[in-house]
Amino acid sequence: MNKSRQLIFQVFGTHNFINYARTNADIIREYALLLQILPSFGKAPVLLFNAGAIATGNLVVLRKS
């Protein structure tokens, strides 16, 4: 699994824990965890969504079919 995907799962998982937190201490702990994860998004590679990326994506889809 690539790093970007792992970060997304970590954020969703943390949000899930925040939603089901039972005490204020649980909420604070989970937000602290989320604050540790979020800066990593700035370092993760991001795919471009421009005309070149769309053309490349279309080629990949054609090759798979």
Protein backbone atom coordinates (compact mmCIF):
# COMPACT_ATOMS: atom_id res chain seq x y z
CA MET A 1 0.00 0.00 0.00
CA ASN A 2 1.44 3.40 -0.89
CA LYS A 3 2.10 6.17 1.61
CA SER A 4 -0.75 8.42 0.42
CA ARG A 5 -3.28 5.65 0.78
CA GLN A 6 -2.01 4.82 4.28
CA LEU A 7 -2.40 8.45 5.32
CA ILE A 8 -5.97 8.54 4.07
CA PHE A 9 -6.84 5.39 6.02
CA GLN A 10 -5.18 6.82 9.13
CA VAL A 11 -7.20 10.03 8.89
CA PHE A 12 -10.48 8.18 8.31
CA GLY A 13 -9.70 5.83 11.18
CA THR A 14 -8.92 8.73 13.48
CA HIS A 15 -12.16 10.46 12.51
CA ASN A 16 -14.00 7.26 13.31
CA PHE A 17 -12.43 7.16 16.78
CA ILE A 18 -13.33 10.83 17.31
CA ASN A 19 -16.95 10.15 16.34
CA TYR A 20 -17.23 7.29 18.83
CA ALA A 21 -15.22 8.87 21.65
CA ARG A 22 -16.99 8.53 24.99
CA THR A 23 -15.13 11.08 27.08
CA ASN A 24 -13.53 14.47 26.58
CA ALA A 25 -10.15 12.85 27.20
CA ASP A 26 -10.81 10.41 24.33
CA ILE A 27 -11.71 13.28 22.00
CA ILE A 28 -8.58 15.23 22.93
CA ARG A 29 -6.37 12.17 22.47
CA GLU A 30 -7.80 11.43 19.01
CA TYR A 31 -7.50 15.05 17.85
CA ALA A 32 -3.88 15.02 19.03
CA LEU A 33 -3.33 11.91 16.90
CA LEU A 34 -5.01 13.59 13.94
CA LEU A 35 -2.72 16.61 14.35
CA GLN A 36 0.28 14.28 14.10
CA ILE A 37 -1.02 12.70 10.89
CA LEU A 38 -2.11 15.81 8.96
CA PRO A 39 1.36 17.37 8.37
CA SER A 40 2.32 14.21 6.48
CA PHE A 41 -0.19 15.11 3.78
CA GLY A 42 2.03 18.04 2.79
CA LYS A 43 4.88 15.62 2.12
CA ALA A 44 2.86 12.98 0.28
CA PRO A 45 2.94 12.89 -3.52
CA VAL A 46 -0.22 14.17 -5.14
CA LEU A 47 -1.46 13.26 -8.59
CA LEU A 48 -2.08 16.10 -10.98
CA PHE A 49 -5.53 16.48 -12.46
CA ASN A 50 -4.72 18.23 -15.71
CA ALA A 51 -5.12 17.31 -19.38
CA GLY A 52 -1.91 15.27 -19.43
CA ALA A 53 -2.96 13.27 -16.37
CA ILE A 54 -6.37 12.59 -17.89
CA ALA A 55 -4.77 11.35 -21.12
CA THR A 56 -2.43 9.07 -19.18
CA GLY A 57 -5.33 7.74 -17.12
CA ASN A 58 -7.31 7.02 -20.29
CA LEU A 59 -4.36 5.07 -21.72
CA VAL A 60 -4.12 2.97 -18.56
CA VAL A 61 -7.82 2.17 -18.75
CA LEU A 62 -7.52 1.19 -22.42
CA ARG A 63 -4.59 -1.11 -21.70
CA LYS A 64 -6.50 -2.89 -18.96
CA SER A 65 -9.48 -3.67 -21.20
